[in-house]
Amino acid sequence: MILAGATGDFNNGGPNLGILAATIIFSAFIDLQIINVIHKLGMKRSLLIVILVLIPITAALYMLGQNMSSLISLI
């Protein structure tokens, strides 16, 4: 998505929400499994940690997608 933004694909309304949602869900699944395997916390605690990690990541991606055109014009 960074390459798409750098080439100007986000000028007409931001990132594709389907791709963004699929990326977030896939990364949450991977993150949940890694935390569960490494720390052996159990699924409930792993899910809580994933939620605490994904909220800032999702917010950052949303803000980046909303401001991509203004960031590119500064370059």
N, C-alpha and C. Protein backbone atom coordinates (compact mmCIF):
# COMPACT_ATOMS: atom_id res chain seq x y z
N MET A 1 0.82 -1.18 0.00
CA MET A 1 0.00 0.00 0.00
C MET A 1 0.87 1.25 0.00
N ILE A 2 2.06 1.16 0.55
CA ILE A 2 2.96 2.30 0.53
C ILE A 2 3.38 2.60 -0.91
N LEU A 3 3.66 1.56 -1.68
CA LEU A 3 4.02 1.77 -3.09
C LEU A 3 2.86 2.36 -3.87
N ALA A 4 1.65 1.90 -3.59
CA ALA A 4 0.48 2.45 -4.28
C ALA A 4 0.31 3.92 -3.93
N GLY A 5 0.53 4.28 -2.69
CA GLY A 5 0.42 5.68 -2.29
C GLY A 5 1.50 6.53 -2.92
N ALA A 6 2.70 5.99 -3.02
CA ALA A 6 3.81 6.74 -3.60
C ALA A 6 3.61 6.97 -5.09
N THR A 7 2.89 6.09 -5.76
CA THR A 7 2.66 6.27 -7.19
C THR A 7 1.42 7.10 -7.48
N GLY A 8 0.69 7.51 -6.44
CA GLY A 8 -0.45 8.40 -6.64
C GLY A 8 -1.78 7.70 -6.79
N ASP A 9 -1.89 6.45 -6.42
CA ASP A 9 -3.16 5.74 -6.55
C ASP A 9 -4.21 6.20 -5.55
N PHE A 10 -3.80 6.86 -4.47
CA PHE A 10 -4.75 7.24 -3.43
C PHE A 10 -5.34 8.63 -3.63
N ASN A 11 -5.10 9.25 -4.75
CA ASN A 11 -5.61 10.60 -4.97
C ASN A 11 -7.12 10.65 -5.11
N ASN A 12 -7.74 9.55 -5.45
CA ASN A 12 -9.18 9.55 -5.70
C ASN A 12 -9.97 8.86 -4.60
N GLY A 13 -9.72 9.18 -3.35
CA GLY A 13 -10.57 8.67 -2.29
C GLY A 13 -9.91 7.76 -1.28
N GLY A 14 -8.64 7.66 -1.24
CA GLY A 14 -7.99 6.87 -0.21
C GLY A 14 -7.78 5.43 -0.61
N PRO A 15 -7.30 4.63 0.35
CA PRO A 15 -6.98 3.23 0.05
C PRO A 15 -8.24 2.40 -0.16
N ASN A 16 -8.08 1.30 -0.84
CA ASN A 16 -9.17 0.36 -1.03
C ASN A 16 -9.50 -0.28 0.31
N LEU A 17 -10.71 -0.07 0.80
CA LEU A 17 -11.07 -0.55 2.13
C LEU A 17 -11.08 -2.07 2.22
N GLY A 18 -11.37 -2.75 1.14
CA GLY A 18 -11.35 -4.21 1.15
C GLY A 18 -9.95 -4.75 1.39
N ILE A 19 -8.99 -4.19 0.70
CA ILE A 19 -7.60 -4.62 0.88
C ILE A 19 -7.11 -4.24 2.27
N LEU A 20 -7.47 -3.06 2.73
CA LEU A 20 -7.06 -2.62 4.06
C LEU A 20 -7.64 -3.52 5.14
N ALA A 21 -8.91 -3.87 5.04
CA ALA A 21 -9.54 -4.75 6.03
C ALA A 21 -8.94 -6.14 5.99
N ALA A 22 -8.70 -6.67 4.80
CA ALA A 22 -8.10 -8.01 4.69
C ALA A 22 -6.70 -8.03 5.28
N THR A 23 -5.94 -6.97 5.05
CA THR A 23 -4.59 -6.89 5.60
C THR A 23 -4.62 -6.84 7.12
N ILE A 24 -5.53 -6.08 7.68
CA ILE A 24 -5.63 -5.96 9.14
C ILE A 24 -6.06 -7.28 9.75
N ILE A 25 -7.03 -7.96 9.16
CA ILE A 25 -7.50 -9.24 9.69
C ILE A 25 -6.39 -10.29 9.60
N PHE A 26 -5.70 -10.34 8.48
CA PHE A 26 -4.61 -11.31 8.32
C PHE A 26 -3.48 -11.04 9.31
N SER A 27 -3.12 -9.77 9.48
CA SER A 27 -2.04 -9.45 10.42
C SER A 27 -2.46 -9.72 11.86
N ALA A 28 -3.74 -9.53 12.18
CA ALA A 28 -4.22 -9.85 13.52
C ALA A 28 -4.13 -11.34 13.78
N PHE A 29 -4.49 -12.14 12.80
CA PHE A 29 -4.41 -13.59 12.95
C PHE A 29 -2.97 -14.04 13.16
N ILE A 30 -2.06 -13.52 12.35
CA ILE A 30 -0.64 -13.88 12.49
C ILE A 30 -0.11 -13.43 13.85
N ASP A 31 -0.46 -12.22 14.25
CA ASP A 31 0.00 -11.69 15.53
C ASP A 31 -0.54 -12.53 16.69
N LEU A 32 -1.79 -12.90 16.62
CA LEU A 32 -2.41 -13.73 17.66
C LEU A 32 -1.71 -15.07 17.77
N GLN A 33 -1.40 -15.69 16.66
CA GLN A 33 -0.75 -16.99 16.68
C GLN A 33 0.68 -16.91 17.19
N ILE A 34 1.40 -15.86 16.81
CA ILE A 34 2.78 -15.71 17.28
C ILE A 34 2.82 -15.48 18.78
N ILE A 35 1.94 -14.62 19.28
CA ILE A 35 1.90 -14.37 20.73
C ILE A 35 1.53 -15.65 21.47
N ASN A 36 0.57 -16.38 20.94
CA ASN A 36 0.12 -17.61 21.60
C ASN A 36 1.22 -18.67 21.62
N VAL A 37 1.96 -18.80 20.55
CA VAL A 37 3.01 -19.82 20.48
C VAL A 37 4.21 -19.44 21.33
N ILE A 38 4.64 -18.18 21.24
CA ILE A 38 5.85 -17.78 21.96
C ILE A 38 5.63 -17.74 23.47
N HIS A 39 4.54 -17.15 23.89
CA HIS A 39 4.35 -16.92 25.32
C HIS A 39 3.45 -17.94 26.00
N LYS A 40 2.73 -18.72 25.23
CA LYS A 40 1.80 -19.72 25.76
C LYS A 40 0.84 -19.09 26.77
N LEU A 41 0.29 -17.94 26.40
CA LEU A 41 -0.62 -17.21 27.28
C LEU A 41 -2.03 -17.77 27.26
N GLY A 42 -2.39 -18.39 26.19
CA GLY A 42 -3.77 -18.79 26.01
C GLY A 42 -4.44 -17.83 25.04
N MET A 43 -5.54 -18.28 24.48
CA MET A 43 -6.19 -17.51 23.42
C MET A 43 -6.82 -16.22 23.94
N LYS A 44 -7.40 -16.21 25.13
CA LYS A 44 -8.06 -15.00 25.63
C LYS A 44 -7.05 -13.88 25.86
N ARG A 45 -5.95 -14.18 26.50
CA ARG A 45 -4.94 -13.15 26.75
C ARG A 45 -4.27 -12.73 25.45
N SER A 46 -4.05 -13.67 24.55
CA SER A 46 -3.45 -13.32 23.26
C SER A 46 -4.36 -12.39 22.48
N LEU A 47 -5.66 -12.65 22.52
CA LEU A 47 -6.61 -11.80 21.83
C LEU A 47 -6.61 -10.39 22.42
N LEU A 48 -6.51 -10.28 23.72
CA LEU A 48 -6.45 -8.97 24.36
C LEU A 48 -5.20 -8.21 23.93
N ILE A 49 -4.07 -8.88 23.88
CA ILE A 49 -2.83 -8.24 23.45
C ILE A 49 -2.93 -7.81 21.99
N VAL A 50 -3.51 -8.65 21.15
CA VAL A 50 -3.67 -8.29 19.74
C VAL A 50 -4.55 -7.06 19.59
N ILE A 51 -5.63 -7.00 20.35
CA ILE A 51 -6.51 -5.83 20.27
C ILE A 51 -5.76 -4.57 20.70
N LEU A 52 -4.98 -4.68 21.78
CA LEU A 52 -4.23 -3.52 22.24
C LEU A 52 -3.16 -3.08 21.24
N VAL A 53 -2.64 -4.01 20.46
CA VAL A 53 -1.65 -3.67 19.45
C VAL A 53 -2.32 -3.14 18.18
N LEU A 54 -3.45 -3.70 17.80
CA LEU A 54 -4.08 -3.33 16.53
C LEU A 54 -4.78 -1.98 16.55
N ILE A 55 -5.23 -1.52 17.71
CA ILE A 55 -5.92 -0.23 17.75
C ILE A 55 -5.00 0.89 17.27
N PRO A 56 -3.78 1.02 17.79
CA PRO A 56 -2.91 2.08 17.26
C PRO A 56 -2.49 1.87 15.81
N ILE A 57 -2.28 0.61 15.42
CA ILE A 57 -1.89 0.34 14.03
C ILE A 57 -3.02 0.72 13.08
N THR A 58 -4.24 0.35 13.42
CA THR A 58 -5.39 0.68 12.58
C THR A 58 -5.59 2.18 12.50
N ALA A 59 -5.46 2.86 13.63
CA ALA A 59 -5.60 4.32 13.63
C ALA A 59 -4.52 4.98 12.77
N ALA A 60 -3.30 4.48 12.87
CA ALA A 60 -2.21 5.05 12.08
C ALA A 60 -2.43 4.82 10.59
N LEU A 61 -2.87 3.63 10.21
CA LEU A 61 -3.13 3.35 8.79
C LEU A 61 -4.28 4.21 8.27
N TYR A 62 -5.30 4.40 9.09
CA TYR A 62 -6.44 5.23 8.68
C TYR A 62 -5.99 6.68 8.46
N MET A 63 -5.23 7.21 9.43
CA MET A 63 -4.77 8.59 9.29
C MET A 63 -3.81 8.74 8.11
N LEU A 64 -2.96 7.75 7.90
CA LEU A 64 -2.04 7.79 6.77
C LEU A 64 -2.81 7.77 5.45
N GLY A 65 -3.83 6.92 5.36
CA GLY A 65 -4.63 6.85 4.15
C GLY A 65 -5.40 8.13 3.89
N GLN A 66 -5.88 8.77 4.94
CA GLN A 66 -6.63 10.02 4.78
C GLN A 66 -5.72 11.18 4.36
N ASN A 67 -4.48 11.15 4.80
CA ASN A 67 -3.58 12.27 4.54
C ASN A 67 -2.53 11.97 3.47
N MET A 68 -2.69 10.87 2.76
CA MET A 68 -1.67 10.46 1.79
C MET A 68 -1.47 11.50 0.69
N SER A 69 -2.54 12.06 0.17
CA SER A 69 -2.39 13.00 -0.94
C SER A 69 -1.67 14.27 -0.49
N SER A 70 -1.96 14.75 0.72
CA SER A 70 -1.26 15.95 1.18
C SER A 70 0.19 15.65 1.51
N LEU A 71 0.48 14.44 1.97
CA LEU A 71 1.87 14.08 2.25
C LEU A 71 2.68 13.96 0.96
N ILE A 72 2.06 13.42 -0.09
CA ILE A 72 2.77 13.27 -1.36
C ILE A 72 3.02 14.63 -2.00
N SER A 73 2.07 15.56 -1.85
CA SER A 73 2.26 16.87 -2.46
C SER A 73 3.38 17.66 -1.78
N LEU A 74 3.71 17.32 -0.54
CA LEU A 74 4.81 18.00 0.15
C LEU A 74 6.16 17.57 -0.38
N ILE A 75 6.22 16.40 -0.98
CA ILE A 75 7.49 15.87 -1.49
C ILE A 75 7.78 16.51 -2.77
